[in-house]
Amino acid sequence: MSLKTFHIVFITVCVLLLLFLSGWAFSNSRQGGGTLDAVWGSLALATAVALAVYGQRFLKRLKHISFL
């Protein structure tokens, strides 16, 4: 597995985990968890979006390098 492939897999897993964390925090916030859970959910969602944008730019920048 190349470093490029590992990087893409790692970014994808991180985005998925952040989306899960965001949903979990928002769910806790709706069930009476307070504003701190809403803040955590917002931060996790913003970080997931930022990582997704980073992943797209990474792929665009290194499209000439193979995945092998």
Protein backbone atom coordinates (compact mmCIF):
# COMPACT_ATOMS: atom_id res chain seq x y z
CA MET A 1 0.00 0.00 0.00
CA SER A 2 1.44 3.33 -1.02
CA LEU A 3 1.61 6.39 1.17
CA LYS A 4 -1.00 8.08 -1.05
CA THR A 5 -3.45 5.20 -0.60
CA PHE A 6 -2.89 5.12 3.15
CA HIS A 7 -3.42 8.87 3.34
CA ILE A 8 -6.73 8.70 1.48
CA VAL A 9 -7.96 5.76 3.59
CA PHE A 10 -6.93 7.55 6.79
CA ILE A 11 -8.67 10.79 5.80
CA THR A 12 -11.83 8.86 4.83
CA VAL A 13 -11.93 7.00 8.14
CA CYS A 14 -11.38 10.24 10.06
CA VAL A 15 -14.22 11.99 8.21
CA LEU A 16 -16.57 9.08 8.91
CA LEU A 17 -15.64 9.03 12.61
CA LEU A 18 -16.12 12.79 12.87
CA LEU A 19 -19.55 12.54 11.25
CA PHE A 20 -20.48 9.80 13.74
CA LEU A 21 -19.21 11.95 16.63
CA SER A 22 -21.18 14.93 15.34
CA GLY A 23 -24.40 12.94 15.11
CA TRP A 24 -23.87 11.47 18.55
CA ALA A 25 -23.21 14.88 20.11
CA PHE A 26 -26.25 16.46 18.44
CA SER A 27 -28.37 13.52 19.59
CA ASN A 28 -27.18 13.98 23.16
CA SER A 29 -27.84 17.70 22.91
CA ARG A 30 -31.44 17.10 21.85
CA GLN A 31 -31.99 14.71 24.74
CA GLY A 32 -31.09 17.36 27.31
CA GLY A 33 -27.32 17.17 27.23
CA GLY A 34 -26.85 20.92 27.13
CA THR A 35 -25.06 23.38 24.93
CA LEU A 36 -21.64 21.77 25.31
CA ASP A 37 -22.78 18.77 23.29
CA ALA A 38 -24.06 21.10 20.57
CA VAL A 39 -20.67 22.84 20.52
CA TRP A 40 -18.87 19.50 20.21
CA GLY A 41 -21.22 18.46 17.42
CA SER A 42 -20.62 21.70 15.55
CA LEU A 43 -16.85 21.42 15.92
CA ALA A 44 -16.87 17.81 14.75
CA LEU A 45 -19.03 18.67 11.74
CA ALA A 46 -16.81 21.63 10.80
CA THR A 47 -13.70 19.47 11.11
CA ALA A 48 -15.26 16.73 8.97
CA VAL A 49 -16.03 19.27 6.24
CA ALA A 50 -12.52 20.70 6.43
CA LEU A 51 -10.96 17.22 6.19
CA ALA A 52 -13.16 16.35 3.22
CA VAL A 53 -12.05 19.52 1.41
CA TYR A 54 -8.44 18.70 2.28
CA GLY A 55 -8.87 15.18 0.89
CA GLN A 56 -10.26 16.51 -2.39
CA ARG A 57 -7.39 18.98 -2.76
CA PHE A 58 -4.89 16.26 -1.91
CA LEU A 59 -6.29 13.99 -4.62
CA LYS A 60 -6.32 16.81 -7.16
CA ARG A 61 -2.73 17.79 -6.36
CA LEU A 62 -1.36 14.24 -6.52
CA LYS A 63 -3.45 12.79 -9.34
CA HIS A 64 -0.33 12.04 -11.40
CA ILE A 65 1.01 9.64 -8.73
CA SER A 66 -0.36 6.08 -8.86
CA PHE A 67 -2.06 4.36 -5.93
CA LEU A 68 0.32 1.40 -5.99
